[in-house]
Amino acid sequence: MPERRKLPPSASVATPDENGKLFAPSPDRNAGVITDFVSSVAPVSGNALEIASGTGQHIIQLAAAMPGLHWQPTEIAPERRASIDTYLSEANLSNTSPAIQLDATAPGWGAHHQGQSLILLVNLLHLVSKAEAQTLVAEAAQALKSGGLLVVYGPFMRGDTLISEGDARFHANLQSQDPEIGYKSDQTVIKWGIGAGLSHQRTTQMPANNLALCWQKT
């Protein structure tokens, strides 16, 4: 198996506190908006898998807002899994499990996490290569149960177009760090999901030019 690409430094901006929790500005800004959106499309009950849960700032809001779902956070970095578990412990939620290690860009994980009613990914596809992103979508499709939803949130090109100067600068900055990463075309990613057996349900405009892409497994 090829060595996994390291995420760029811009993916790892988080500050620890004295208890080991990590704080990042982006999830602090967008957790409420993401939680509101996911709540509007999510099933009432079942298993929910969050890919690349980061610091843990998202998962506590998601689990509190959707108590009928049992939430499983995942992360590659051990220090981030520790942060997630500290957030969960302090929140004292009954519908969560401790964070587990998962590299969602690697082939094969979908078969080991089948039966998911909801899979959520926030702000990762632009930080990995096209091949890794396509693998992630395909494996998520395999992990979903029939009727399950995949929700992918983040910055995207619209077709092949970067729609703002800020997006163009961010994309260029990412590619200066690694030419294989950067913004993906929304239409390309939607087609990946369809090719993996999912039905595209909606594309929703979110704040700061982000999109939420949603598919359902038939």
N, C-alpha and C. Protein backbone atom coordinates (compact mmCIF):
# COMPACT_ATOMS: atom_id res chain seq x y z
N MET A 1 0.85 -1.19 0.00
CA MET A 1 0.00 0.00 0.00
C MET A 1 0.88 1.24 0.00
N PRO A 2 0.59 2.23 -0.84
CA PRO A 2 1.43 3.44 -0.86
C PRO A 2 1.32 4.21 0.44
N GLU A 3 2.39 4.93 0.76
CA GLU A 3 2.39 5.72 1.98
C GLU A 3 1.36 6.84 1.89
N ARG A 4 0.64 7.04 2.98
CA ARG A 4 -0.40 8.05 3.00
C ARG A 4 0.21 9.45 2.94
N ARG A 5 -0.41 10.31 2.13
CA ARG A 5 0.03 11.70 2.02
C ARG A 5 -0.22 12.41 3.34
N LYS A 6 0.76 13.18 3.79
CA LYS A 6 0.58 14.00 5.00
C LYS A 6 -0.27 15.22 4.67
N LEU A 7 -1.16 15.58 5.59
CA LEU A 7 -1.96 16.77 5.38
C LEU A 7 -1.09 18.01 5.50
N PRO A 8 -1.44 19.07 4.78
CA PRO A 8 -0.64 20.29 4.85
C PRO A 8 -0.76 20.95 6.22
N PRO A 9 0.19 21.83 6.57
CA PRO A 9 0.14 22.50 7.87
C PRO A 9 -1.17 23.24 8.12
N SER A 10 -1.80 23.74 7.07
CA SER A 10 -3.05 24.47 7.24
C SER A 10 -4.18 23.60 7.75
N ALA A 11 -4.01 22.27 7.72
CA ALA A 11 -5.04 21.36 8.21
C ALA A 11 -4.91 21.11 9.70
N SER A 12 -3.87 21.61 10.32
CA SER A 12 -3.57 21.20 11.70
C SER A 12 -3.48 22.36 12.68
N VAL A 13 -4.20 23.44 12.40
CA VAL A 13 -4.16 24.60 13.29
C VAL A 13 -5.10 24.37 14.46
N ALA A 14 -4.54 23.98 15.60
CA ALA A 14 -5.34 23.72 16.80
C ALA A 14 -4.47 23.99 18.02
N THR A 15 -5.08 24.58 19.03
CA THR A 15 -4.37 24.97 20.24
C THR A 15 -4.83 24.12 21.42
N PRO A 16 -3.89 23.49 22.14
CA PRO A 16 -4.30 22.66 23.28
C PRO A 16 -4.55 23.50 24.53
N ASP A 17 -5.46 23.00 25.40
CA ASP A 17 -5.62 23.62 26.72
C ASP A 17 -4.98 22.72 27.77
N GLU A 18 -5.13 23.07 29.02
CA GLU A 18 -4.46 22.33 30.09
C GLU A 18 -5.03 20.92 30.29
N ASN A 19 -6.23 20.66 29.75
CA ASN A 19 -6.86 19.35 29.89
C ASN A 19 -6.62 18.43 28.69
N GLY A 20 -5.88 18.93 27.70
CA GLY A 20 -5.60 18.12 26.53
C GLY A 20 -6.59 18.32 25.40
N LYS A 21 -7.61 19.13 25.60
CA LYS A 21 -8.53 19.44 24.51
C LYS A 21 -7.84 20.37 23.51
N LEU A 22 -8.12 20.14 22.24
CA LEU A 22 -7.63 21.01 21.18
C LEU A 22 -8.75 21.94 20.74
N PHE A 23 -8.39 23.17 20.44
CA PHE A 23 -9.36 24.15 19.95
C PHE A 23 -8.89 24.65 18.60
N ALA A 24 -9.79 24.62 17.61
CA ALA A 24 -9.49 25.14 16.28
C ALA A 24 -10.55 26.17 15.91
N PRO A 25 -10.15 27.25 15.26
CA PRO A 25 -11.12 28.31 14.94
C PRO A 25 -12.22 27.88 13.99
N SER A 26 -11.89 27.07 12.97
CA SER A 26 -12.88 26.73 11.95
C SER A 26 -14.08 25.98 12.52
N PRO A 27 -13.90 24.88 13.27
CA PRO A 27 -15.08 24.22 13.83
C PRO A 27 -15.83 25.07 14.84
N ASP A 28 -15.13 25.98 15.50
CA ASP A 28 -15.83 26.89 16.40
C ASP A 28 -16.81 27.77 15.62
N ARG A 29 -16.42 28.16 14.40
CA ARG A 29 -17.28 29.00 13.57
C ARG A 29 -18.41 28.22 12.92
N ASN A 30 -18.11 27.00 12.46
CA ASN A 30 -19.09 26.34 11.60
C ASN A 30 -19.87 25.21 12.24
N ALA A 31 -19.57 24.86 13.49
CA ALA A 31 -20.24 23.71 14.11
C ALA A 31 -21.75 23.89 14.17
N GLY A 32 -22.21 25.10 14.50
CA GLY A 32 -23.64 25.34 14.61
C GLY A 32 -24.35 25.21 13.28
N VAL A 33 -23.76 25.79 12.24
CA VAL A 33 -24.36 25.75 10.90
C VAL A 33 -24.40 24.31 10.39
N ILE A 34 -23.32 23.58 10.59
CA ILE A 34 -23.26 22.19 10.14
C ILE A 34 -24.27 21.34 10.90
N THR A 35 -24.35 21.54 12.21
CA THR A 35 -25.29 20.77 13.01
C THR A 35 -26.72 21.05 12.58
N ASP A 36 -27.05 22.29 12.32
CA ASP A 36 -28.40 22.63 11.88
C ASP A 36 -28.72 21.94 10.55
N PHE A 37 -27.77 21.96 9.62
CA PHE A 37 -28.02 21.34 8.33
C PHE A 37 -28.16 19.83 8.46
N VAL A 38 -27.21 19.20 9.14
CA VAL A 38 -27.26 17.74 9.27
C VAL A 38 -28.55 17.31 9.98
N SER A 39 -28.96 18.07 10.99
CA SER A 39 -30.21 17.75 11.69
C SER A 39 -31.40 17.77 10.75
N SER A 40 -31.34 18.61 9.72
CA SER A 40 -32.48 18.74 8.81
C SER A 40 -32.57 17.59 7.81
N VAL A 41 -31.50 16.82 7.62
CA VAL A 41 -31.51 15.73 6.64
C VAL A 41 -31.29 14.36 7.26
N ALA A 42 -30.81 14.29 8.48
CA ALA A 42 -30.39 13.02 9.09
C ALA A 42 -31.58 12.14 9.45
N PRO A 43 -31.38 10.83 9.45
CA PRO A 43 -32.41 9.92 9.96
C PRO A 43 -32.59 10.12 11.46
N VAL A 44 -33.71 9.69 11.96
CA VAL A 44 -34.03 9.88 13.38
C VAL A 44 -33.18 8.97 14.26
N SER A 45 -32.87 7.79 13.75
CA SER A 45 -32.14 6.82 14.56
C SER A 45 -31.14 6.06 13.70
N GLY A 46 -30.28 5.30 14.35
CA GLY A 46 -29.28 4.50 13.65
C GLY A 46 -27.88 4.85 14.09
N ASN A 47 -26.91 4.39 13.31
CA ASN A 47 -25.49 4.63 13.59
C ASN A 47 -24.96 5.73 12.68
N ALA A 48 -24.24 6.67 13.27
CA ALA A 48 -23.65 7.79 12.53
C ALA A 48 -22.13 7.76 12.70
N LEU A 49 -21.42 7.83 11.59
CA LEU A 49 -19.97 7.82 11.58
C LEU A 49 -19.48 9.18 11.11
N GLU A 50 -18.69 9.86 11.95
CA GLU A 50 -18.06 11.10 11.51
C GLU A 50 -16.63 10.79 11.10
N ILE A 51 -16.30 11.08 9.85
CA ILE A 51 -14.95 10.87 9.35
C ILE A 51 -14.10 12.10 9.65
N ALA A 52 -12.88 11.87 10.14
CA ALA A 52 -11.95 12.96 10.42
C ALA A 52 -12.58 13.98 11.38
N SER A 53 -12.87 13.53 12.58
CA SER A 53 -13.58 14.35 13.57
C SER A 53 -12.77 15.51 14.12
N GLY A 54 -11.47 15.51 13.84
CA GLY A 54 -10.65 16.66 14.23
C GLY A 54 -10.48 16.81 15.72
N THR A 55 -10.79 17.98 16.22
CA THR A 55 -10.57 18.28 17.63
C THR A 55 -11.64 17.69 18.54
N GLY A 56 -12.84 17.46 18.00
CA GLY A 56 -13.98 17.02 18.80
C GLY A 56 -15.02 18.10 19.01
N GLN A 57 -14.78 19.29 18.46
CA GLN A 57 -15.72 20.39 18.65
C GLN A 57 -17.04 20.16 17.92
N HIS A 58 -17.00 19.45 16.78
CA HIS A 58 -18.24 19.16 16.05
C HIS A 58 -19.08 18.09 16.74
N ILE A 59 -18.42 17.01 17.13
CA ILE A 59 -19.16 15.80 17.53
C ILE A 59 -20.05 16.04 18.74
N ILE A 60 -19.62 16.90 19.64
CA ILE A 60 -20.46 17.11 20.83
C ILE A 60 -21.74 17.85 20.47
N GLN A 61 -21.69 18.75 19.51
CA GLN A 61 -22.90 19.45 19.09
C GLN A 61 -23.80 18.54 18.26
N LEU A 62 -23.20 17.74 17.38
CA LEU A 62 -23.98 16.82 16.57
C LEU A 62 -24.72 15.81 17.43
N ALA A 63 -24.01 15.20 18.37
CA ALA A 63 -24.63 14.17 19.20
C ALA A 63 -25.71 14.75 20.11
N ALA A 64 -25.49 15.95 20.61
CA ALA A 64 -26.50 16.57 21.46
C ALA A 64 -27.76 16.92 20.68
N ALA A 65 -27.59 17.34 19.43
CA ALA A 65 -28.73 17.75 18.61
C ALA A 65 -29.49 16.57 18.03
N MET A 66 -28.84 15.41 17.89
CA MET A 66 -29.47 14.23 17.28
C MET A 66 -29.31 13.03 18.20
N PRO A 67 -30.04 13.02 19.31
CA PRO A 67 -29.85 11.98 20.33
C PRO A 67 -30.28 10.59 19.89
N GLY A 68 -31.10 10.48 18.85
CA GLY A 68 -31.52 9.18 18.37
C GLY A 68 -30.45 8.44 17.59
N LEU A 69 -29.42 9.15 17.16
CA LEU A 69 -28.29 8.54 16.45
C LEU A 69 -27.17 8.22 17.42
N HIS A 70 -26.51 7.10 17.22
CA HIS A 70 -25.32 6.79 18.01
C HIS A 70 -24.10 7.18 17.19
N TRP A 71 -23.31 8.11 17.72
CA TRP A 71 -22.23 8.75 16.97
C TRP A 71 -20.88 8.10 17.26
N GLN A 72 -20.19 7.78 16.18
CA GLN A 72 -18.83 7.24 16.27
C GLN A 72 -17.85 8.21 15.63
N PRO A 73 -17.06 8.94 16.42
CA PRO A 73 -16.02 9.80 15.85
C PRO A 73 -14.79 9.00 15.44
N THR A 74 -14.07 9.50 14.43
CA THR A 74 -12.86 8.85 13.97
C THR A 74 -11.78 9.90 13.73
N GLU A 75 -10.54 9.49 13.85
CA GLU A 75 -9.40 10.36 13.59
C GLU A 75 -8.15 9.52 13.38
N ILE A 76 -7.21 10.06 12.63
CA ILE A 76 -5.92 9.39 12.45
C ILE A 76 -4.98 9.70 13.61
N ALA A 77 -4.85 10.98 13.96
CA ALA A 77 -3.84 11.42 14.92
C ALA A 77 -4.25 11.08 16.35
N PRO A 78 -3.37 10.43 17.11
CA PRO A 78 -3.72 10.06 18.49
C PRO A 78 -4.02 11.25 19.39
N GLU A 79 -3.33 12.38 19.18
CA GLU A 79 -3.59 13.54 20.03
C GLU A 79 -4.97 14.12 19.75
N ARG A 80 -5.45 13.96 18.54
CA ARG A 80 -6.80 14.43 18.22
C ARG A 80 -7.85 13.46 18.77
N ARG A 81 -7.57 12.18 18.73
CA ARG A 81 -8.50 11.23 19.36
C ARG A 81 -8.60 11.50 20.85
N ALA A 82 -7.49 11.83 21.49
CA ALA A 82 -7.52 12.16 22.91
C ALA A 82 -8.35 13.41 23.16
N SER A 83 -8.20 14.40 22.29
CA SER A 83 -8.99 15.63 22.42
C SER A 83 -10.48 15.34 22.27
N ILE A 84 -10.83 14.55 21.25
CA ILE A 84 -12.23 14.18 21.04
C ILE A 84 -12.80 13.51 22.29
N ASP A 85 -12.06 12.56 22.84
CA ASP A 85 -12.56 11.83 24.00
C ASP A 85 -12.72 12.73 25.21
N THR A 86 -11.86 13.74 25.34
CA THR A 86 -12.02 14.68 26.45
C THR A 86 -13.27 15.53 26.27
N TYR A 87 -13.50 16.02 25.06
CA TYR A 87 -14.74 16.76 24.79
C TYR A 87 -15.96 15.90 25.11
N LEU A 88 -15.94 14.64 24.68
CA LEU A 88 -17.08 13.75 24.91
C LEU A 88 -17.29 13.47 26.39
N SER A 89 -16.19 13.28 27.10
CA SER A 89 -16.30 13.02 28.54
C SER A 89 -16.91 14.21 29.27
N GLU A 90 -16.48 15.40 28.92
CA GLU A 90 -17.03 16.59 29.56
C GLU A 90 -18.49 16.82 29.19
N ALA A 91 -18.86 16.45 27.95
CA ALA A 91 -20.25 16.64 27.53
C ALA A 91 -21.18 15.60 28.14
N ASN A 92 -20.62 14.45 28.54
CA ASN A 92 -21.39 13.40 29.22
C ASN A 92 -22.61 12.97 28.40
N LEU A 93 -22.37 12.65 27.13
CA LEU A 93 -23.43 12.23 26.23
C LEU A 93 -23.52 10.71 26.20
N SER A 94 -24.73 10.19 26.16
CA SER A 94 -24.92 8.74 26.20
C SER A 94 -24.94 8.11 24.81
N ASN A 95 -24.95 8.91 23.77
CA ASN A 95 -25.08 8.38 22.41
C ASN A 95 -23.80 8.55 21.59
N THR A 96 -22.66 8.41 22.25
CA THR A 96 -21.37 8.50 21.56
C THR A 96 -20.47 7.37 22.02
N SER A 97 -19.51 7.04 21.17
CA SER A 97 -18.45 6.09 21.51
C SER A 97 -17.11 6.81 21.46
N PRO A 98 -16.11 6.29 22.16
CA PRO A 98 -14.78 6.90 22.07
C PRO A 98 -14.27 6.91 20.64
N ALA A 99 -13.43 7.88 20.34
CA ALA A 99 -12.88 8.01 19.00
C ALA A 99 -12.03 6.79 18.64
N ILE A 100 -12.13 6.39 17.37
CA ILE A 100 -11.31 5.29 16.87
C ILE A 100 -10.41 5.77 15.75
N GLN A 101 -9.33 5.01 15.51
CA GLN A 101 -8.41 5.34 14.43
C GLN A 101 -9.02 4.91 13.11
N LEU A 102 -9.03 5.82 12.13
CA LEU A 102 -9.50 5.49 10.80
C LEU A 102 -8.87 6.42 9.78
N ASP A 103 -8.23 5.85 8.78
CA ASP A 103 -7.76 6.60 7.62
C ASP A 103 -8.77 6.35 6.51
N ALA A 104 -9.68 7.29 6.32
CA ALA A 104 -10.77 7.11 5.36
C ALA A 104 -10.33 7.26 3.92
N THR A 105 -9.06 7.64 3.68
CA THR A 105 -8.56 7.71 2.31
C THR A 105 -7.92 6.39 1.87
N ALA A 106 -7.85 5.43 2.77
CA ALA A 106 -7.25 4.14 2.46
C ALA A 106 -8.33 3.15 2.01
N PRO A 107 -8.03 2.30 1.04
CA PRO A 107 -9.04 1.34 0.59
C PRO A 107 -9.30 0.27 1.65
N GLY A 108 -10.55 -0.21 1.69
CA GLY A 108 -10.90 -1.36 2.52
C GLY A 108 -11.68 -1.09 3.78
N TRP A 109 -11.71 0.17 4.24
CA TRP A 109 -12.34 0.40 5.55
C TRP A 109 -13.85 0.28 5.50
N GLY A 110 -14.47 0.52 4.35
CA GLY A 110 -15.92 0.47 4.27
C GLY A 110 -16.49 -0.88 4.67
N ALA A 111 -15.80 -1.96 4.32
CA ALA A 111 -16.27 -3.30 4.64
C ALA A 111 -16.25 -3.57 6.15
N HIS A 112 -15.41 -2.84 6.87
CA HIS A 112 -15.29 -3.05 8.32
C HIS A 112 -16.21 -2.14 9.13
N HIS A 113 -16.91 -1.23 8.47
CA HIS A 113 -17.79 -0.29 9.18
C HIS A 113 -19.17 -0.23 8.54
N GLN A 114 -19.65 -1.36 8.09
CA GLN A 114 -20.93 -1.40 7.40
C GLN A 114 -22.09 -1.16 8.37
N GLY A 115 -23.24 -0.80 7.79
CA GLY A 115 -24.45 -0.61 8.58
C GLY A 115 -24.66 0.80 9.06
N GLN A 116 -23.98 1.79 8.45
CA GLN A 116 -24.10 3.17 8.90
C GLN A 116 -25.37 3.82 8.30
N SER A 117 -26.12 4.50 9.17
CA SER A 117 -27.29 5.25 8.72
C SER A 117 -26.91 6.63 8.20
N LEU A 118 -25.78 7.14 8.70
CA LEU A 118 -25.30 8.47 8.31
C LEU A 118 -23.78 8.48 8.39
N ILE A 119 -23.15 9.02 7.36
CA ILE A 119 -21.71 9.28 7.39
C ILE A 119 -21.51 10.75 7.06
N LEU A 120 -20.73 11.42 7.90
CA LEU A 120 -20.48 12.86 7.75
C LEU A 120 -18.99 13.12 7.61
N LEU A 121 -18.65 13.94 6.63
CA LEU A 121 -17.27 14.38 6.42
C LEU A 121 -17.25 15.89 6.28
N VAL A 122 -16.42 16.55 7.07
CA VAL A 122 -16.34 18.01 7.05
C VAL A 122 -14.91 18.44 6.74
N ASN A 123 -14.76 19.25 5.71
CA ASN A 123 -13.50 19.96 5.42
C ASN A 123 -12.28 19.04 5.33
N LEU A 124 -12.39 18.03 4.45
CA LEU A 124 -11.22 17.19 4.23
C LEU A 124 -10.88 17.01 2.75
N LEU A 125 -11.87 16.96 1.87
CA LEU A 125 -11.58 16.58 0.49
C LEU A 125 -10.57 17.51 -0.19
N HIS A 126 -10.56 18.79 0.18
CA HIS A 126 -9.60 19.70 -0.45
C HIS A 126 -8.18 19.52 0.07
N LEU A 127 -8.04 18.71 1.12
CA LEU A 127 -6.73 18.49 1.74
C LEU A 127 -6.09 17.17 1.35
N VAL A 128 -6.76 16.42 0.48
CA VAL A 128 -6.21 15.14 0.02
C VAL A 128 -6.21 15.13 -1.50
N SER A 129 -5.56 14.14 -2.07
CA SER A 129 -5.47 14.05 -3.54
C SER A 129 -6.81 13.62 -4.14
N LYS A 130 -6.92 13.76 -5.44
CA LYS A 130 -8.13 13.32 -6.15
C LYS A 130 -8.36 11.83 -5.95
N ALA A 131 -7.30 11.03 -6.07
CA ALA A 131 -7.44 9.59 -5.91
C ALA A 131 -7.88 9.23 -4.49
N GLU A 132 -7.29 9.90 -3.49
CA GLU A 132 -7.68 9.63 -2.11
C GLU A 132 -9.12 10.04 -1.85
N ALA A 133 -9.54 11.17 -2.41
CA ALA A 133 -10.90 11.64 -2.23
C ALA A 133 -11.90 10.67 -2.85
N GLN A 134 -11.58 10.17 -4.04
CA GLN A 134 -12.49 9.23 -4.69
C GLN A 134 -12.58 7.92 -3.91
N THR A 135 -11.46 7.47 -3.38
CA THR A 135 -11.47 6.27 -2.54
C THR A 135 -12.34 6.48 -1.31
N LEU A 136 -12.23 7.65 -0.69
CA LEU A 136 -13.03 7.95 0.49
C LEU A 136 -14.52 7.85 0.18
N VAL A 137 -14.95 8.45 -0.91
CA VAL A 137 -16.37 8.42 -1.27
C VAL A 137 -16.83 6.99 -1.54
N ALA A 138 -16.02 6.21 -2.26
CA ALA A 138 -16.38 4.83 -2.57
C ALA A 138 -16.48 3.97 -1.31
N GLU A 139 -15.54 4.14 -0.39
CA GLU A 139 -15.57 3.36 0.84
C GLU A 139 -16.75 3.78 1.73
N ALA A 140 -17.06 5.07 1.77
CA ALA A 140 -18.22 5.53 2.54
C ALA A 140 -19.50 4.92 1.99
N ALA A 141 -19.59 4.84 0.66
CA ALA A 141 -20.78 4.23 0.05
C ALA A 141 -20.92 2.78 0.48
N GLN A 142 -19.81 2.07 0.57
CA GLN A 142 -19.86 0.68 0.98
C GLN A 142 -20.29 0.55 2.44
N ALA A 143 -19.89 1.50 3.27
CA ALA A 143 -20.20 1.43 4.70
C ALA A 143 -21.66 1.77 5.02
N LEU A 144 -22.33 2.48 4.12
CA LEU A 144 -23.73 2.86 4.38
C LEU A 144 -24.66 1.67 4.26
N LYS A 145 -25.70 1.66 5.08
CA LYS A 145 -26.79 0.71 4.92
C LYS A 145 -27.74 1.23 3.85
N SER A 146 -28.64 0.39 3.39
CA SER A 146 -29.65 0.82 2.43
C SER A 146 -30.47 1.96 3.02
N GLY A 147 -30.59 3.06 2.29
CA GLY A 147 -31.29 4.23 2.79
C GLY A 147 -30.42 5.19 3.56
N GLY A 148 -29.17 4.80 3.83
CA GLY A 148 -28.26 5.66 4.58
C GLY A 148 -27.81 6.86 3.79
N LEU A 149 -27.37 7.91 4.50
CA LEU A 149 -26.98 9.17 3.89
C LEU A 149 -25.49 9.44 4.05
N LEU A 150 -24.90 9.97 2.98
CA LEU A 150 -23.53 10.51 3.04
C LEU A 150 -23.63 12.01 2.86
N VAL A 151 -23.04 12.76 3.80
CA VAL A 151 -23.02 14.22 3.75
C VAL A 151 -21.56 14.67 3.75
N VAL A 152 -21.18 15.41 2.73
CA VAL A 152 -19.81 15.94 2.61
C VAL A 152 -19.90 17.46 2.55
N TYR A 153 -19.23 18.10 3.50
CA TYR A 153 -19.25 19.57 3.62
C TYR A 153 -17.86 20.10 3.35
N GLY A 154 -17.78 21.23 2.65
CA GLY A 154 -16.49 21.87 2.48
C GLY A 154 -16.47 22.79 1.28
N PRO A 155 -15.29 23.30 0.93
CA PRO A 155 -15.14 24.17 -0.23
C PRO A 155 -14.98 23.34 -1.50
N PHE A 156 -15.63 23.77 -2.56
CA PHE A 156 -15.58 23.07 -3.84
C PHE A 156 -15.51 24.08 -4.98
N MET A 157 -14.92 23.64 -6.09
CA MET A 157 -15.14 24.34 -7.35
C MET A 157 -16.59 24.12 -7.77
N ARG A 158 -17.14 25.06 -8.54
CA ARG A 158 -18.44 24.86 -9.18
C ARG A 158 -18.13 24.45 -10.62
N GLY A 159 -18.28 23.17 -10.90
CA GLY A 159 -17.73 22.64 -12.14
C GLY A 159 -16.22 22.69 -12.05
N ASP A 160 -15.59 23.45 -12.94
CA ASP A 160 -14.13 23.62 -12.88
C ASP A 160 -13.75 25.05 -12.50
N THR A 161 -14.69 25.78 -11.88
CA THR A 161 -14.48 27.20 -11.62
C THR A 161 -14.38 27.49 -10.12
N LEU A 162 -13.35 28.24 -9.77
CA LEU A 162 -13.23 28.78 -8.41
C LEU A 162 -14.02 30.09 -8.37
N ILE A 163 -14.97 30.20 -7.46
CA ILE A 163 -15.98 31.25 -7.60
C ILE A 163 -15.65 32.56 -6.87
N SER A 164 -14.54 32.61 -6.16
CA SER A 164 -14.17 33.86 -5.51
C SER A 164 -12.65 33.99 -5.47
N GLU A 165 -12.18 35.22 -5.26
CA GLU A 165 -10.74 35.45 -5.14
C GLU A 165 -10.18 34.72 -3.93
N GLY A 166 -10.96 34.69 -2.85
CA GLY A 166 -10.50 33.99 -1.65
C GLY A 166 -10.32 32.50 -1.90
N ASP A 167 -11.29 31.90 -2.61
CA ASP A 167 -11.16 30.49 -2.94
C ASP A 167 -9.95 30.25 -3.83
N ALA A 168 -9.73 31.13 -4.80
CA ALA A 168 -8.59 30.97 -5.70
C ALA A 168 -7.27 31.05 -4.94
N ARG A 169 -7.18 31.97 -3.98
CA ARG A 169 -5.95 32.10 -3.18
C ARG A 169 -5.73 30.86 -2.32
N PHE A 170 -6.80 30.37 -1.68
CA PHE A 170 -6.67 29.20 -0.81
C PHE A 170 -6.27 27.98 -1.63
N HIS A 171 -6.92 27.79 -2.77
CA HIS A 171 -6.59 26.66 -3.65
C HIS A 171 -5.12 26.73 -4.09
N ALA A 172 -4.67 27.92 -4.48
CA ALA A 172 -3.28 28.09 -4.91
C ALA A 172 -2.31 27.81 -3.76
N ASN A 173 -2.67 28.25 -2.57
CA ASN A 173 -1.83 27.99 -1.40
C ASN A 173 -1.72 26.51 -1.12
N LEU A 174 -2.84 25.79 -1.21
CA LEU A 174 -2.81 24.35 -0.99
C LEU A 174 -1.93 23.66 -2.03
N GLN A 175 -2.06 24.05 -3.28
CA GLN A 175 -1.28 23.40 -4.33
C GLN A 175 0.19 23.76 -4.27
N SER A 176 0.51 24.90 -3.66
CA SER A 176 1.92 25.23 -3.47
C SER A 176 2.56 24.32 -2.44
N GLN A 177 1.74 23.79 -1.52
CA GLN A 177 2.23 22.85 -0.52
C GLN A 177 2.28 21.42 -1.05
N ASP A 178 1.33 21.09 -1.92
CA ASP A 178 1.26 19.76 -2.53
C ASP A 178 0.41 19.89 -3.79
N PRO A 179 1.00 19.73 -4.96
CA PRO A 179 0.24 19.96 -6.21
C PRO A 179 -0.89 18.97 -6.44
N GLU A 180 -0.95 17.90 -5.66
CA GLU A 180 -2.02 16.90 -5.86
C GLU A 180 -3.27 17.20 -5.03
N ILE A 181 -3.20 18.18 -4.13
CA ILE A 181 -4.37 18.50 -3.32
C ILE A 181 -5.01 19.79 -3.84
N GLY A 182 -6.06 20.22 -3.16
CA GLY A 182 -6.75 21.43 -3.57
C GLY A 182 -8.23 21.17 -3.79
N TYR A 183 -8.95 22.20 -4.20
CA TYR A 183 -10.40 22.12 -4.38
C TYR A 183 -10.74 21.06 -5.43
N LYS A 184 -11.83 20.34 -5.17
CA LYS A 184 -12.37 19.38 -6.13
C LYS A 184 -13.62 19.98 -6.78
N SER A 185 -13.91 19.55 -7.99
CA SER A 185 -15.13 19.96 -8.68
C SER A 185 -16.35 19.33 -8.00
N ASP A 186 -17.35 20.15 -7.69
CA ASP A 186 -18.56 19.59 -7.08
C ASP A 186 -19.19 18.54 -7.98
N GLN A 187 -19.21 18.79 -9.29
CA GLN A 187 -19.82 17.84 -10.21
C GLN A 187 -19.05 16.53 -10.28
N THR A 188 -17.74 16.61 -10.21
CA THR A 188 -16.92 15.40 -10.21
C THR A 188 -17.19 14.56 -8.98
N VAL A 189 -17.23 15.19 -7.82
CA VAL A 189 -17.45 14.46 -6.57
C VAL A 189 -18.85 13.85 -6.56
N ILE A 190 -19.83 14.59 -7.03
CA ILE A 190 -21.19 14.04 -7.12
C ILE A 190 -21.19 12.78 -7.99
N LYS A 191 -20.48 12.81 -9.12
CA LYS A 191 -20.41 11.65 -10.01
C LYS A 191 -19.70 10.48 -9.34
N TRP A 192 -18.69 10.76 -8.51
CA TRP A 192 -18.06 9.67 -7.77
C TRP A 192 -19.08 8.93 -6.91
N GLY A 193 -19.91 9.69 -6.21
CA GLY A 193 -20.92 9.08 -5.36
C GLY A 193 -21.90 8.25 -6.17
N ILE A 194 -22.35 8.79 -7.29
CA ILE A 194 -23.29 8.06 -8.15
C ILE A 194 -22.63 6.78 -8.67
N GLY A 195 -21.37 6.89 -9.05
CA GLY A 195 -20.65 5.72 -9.54
C GLY A 195 -20.45 4.65 -8.49
N ALA A 196 -20.50 5.05 -7.23
CA ALA A 196 -20.34 4.11 -6.12
C ALA A 196 -21.68 3.54 -5.65
N GLY A 197 -22.76 3.87 -6.36
CA GLY A 197 -24.06 3.30 -6.03
C GLY A 197 -24.95 4.19 -5.19
N LEU A 198 -24.63 5.47 -5.09
CA LEU A 198 -25.43 6.40 -4.31
C LEU A 198 -26.27 7.27 -5.22
N SER A 199 -27.39 7.73 -4.69
CA SER A 199 -28.26 8.65 -5.41
C SER A 199 -28.06 10.06 -4.87
N HIS A 200 -27.68 11.00 -5.75
CA HIS A 200 -27.47 12.37 -5.31
C HIS A 200 -28.81 12.99 -4.94
N GLN A 201 -28.92 13.47 -3.69
CA GLN A 201 -30.17 14.01 -3.17
C GLN A 201 -30.24 15.52 -3.26
N ARG A 202 -29.15 16.18 -2.91
CA ARG A 202 -29.17 17.65 -2.93
C ARG A 202 -27.76 18.20 -2.82
N THR A 203 -27.59 19.41 -3.31
CA THR A 203 -26.40 20.22 -3.08
C THR A 203 -26.88 21.52 -2.47
N THR A 204 -26.40 21.84 -1.28
CA THR A 204 -26.89 23.00 -0.54
C THR A 204 -25.78 24.01 -0.35
N GLN A 205 -26.06 25.25 -0.72
CA GLN A 205 -25.11 26.34 -0.49
C GLN A 205 -25.01 26.63 0.99
N MET A 206 -23.78 26.68 1.51
CA MET A 206 -23.53 26.95 2.92
C MET A 206 -22.72 28.24 3.05
N PRO A 207 -22.57 28.75 4.27
CA PRO A 207 -21.80 29.99 4.44
C PRO A 207 -20.37 29.88 3.92
N ALA A 208 -19.79 31.04 3.61
CA ALA A 208 -18.39 31.16 3.17
C ALA A 208 -18.11 30.36 1.91
N ASN A 209 -19.09 30.29 1.00
CA ASN A 209 -18.95 29.61 -0.29
C ASN A 209 -18.78 28.10 -0.18
N ASN A 210 -19.05 27.53 0.99
CA ASN A 210 -18.99 26.08 1.13
C ASN A 210 -20.25 25.45 0.58
N LEU A 211 -20.17 24.14 0.32
CA LEU A 211 -21.32 23.35 -0.10
C LEU A 211 -21.49 22.16 0.82
N ALA A 212 -22.73 21.69 0.92
CA ALA A 212 -23.02 20.41 1.54
C ALA A 212 -23.59 19.51 0.45
N LEU A 213 -22.88 18.44 0.14
CA LEU A 213 -23.32 17.47 -0.86
C LEU A 213 -23.93 16.27 -0.14
N CYS A 214 -25.09 15.83 -0.59
CA CYS A 214 -25.80 14.73 0.07
C CYS A 214 -26.18 13.65 -0.93
N TRP A 215 -25.89 12.42 -0.57
CA TRP A 215 -26.31 11.26 -1.35
C TRP A 215 -27.04 10.28 -0.42
N GLN A 216 -27.85 9.43 -1.03
CA GLN A 216 -28.51 8.33 -0.30
C GLN A 216 -28.20 7.02 -0.98
N LYS A 217 -27.98 5.99 -0.15
CA LYS A 217 -27.74 4.66 -0.71
C LYS A 217 -29.07 3.98 -1.00
N THR A 218 -29.23 3.50 -2.20
CA THR A 218 -30.50 2.89 -2.61
C THR A 218 -30.53 1.42 -2.25
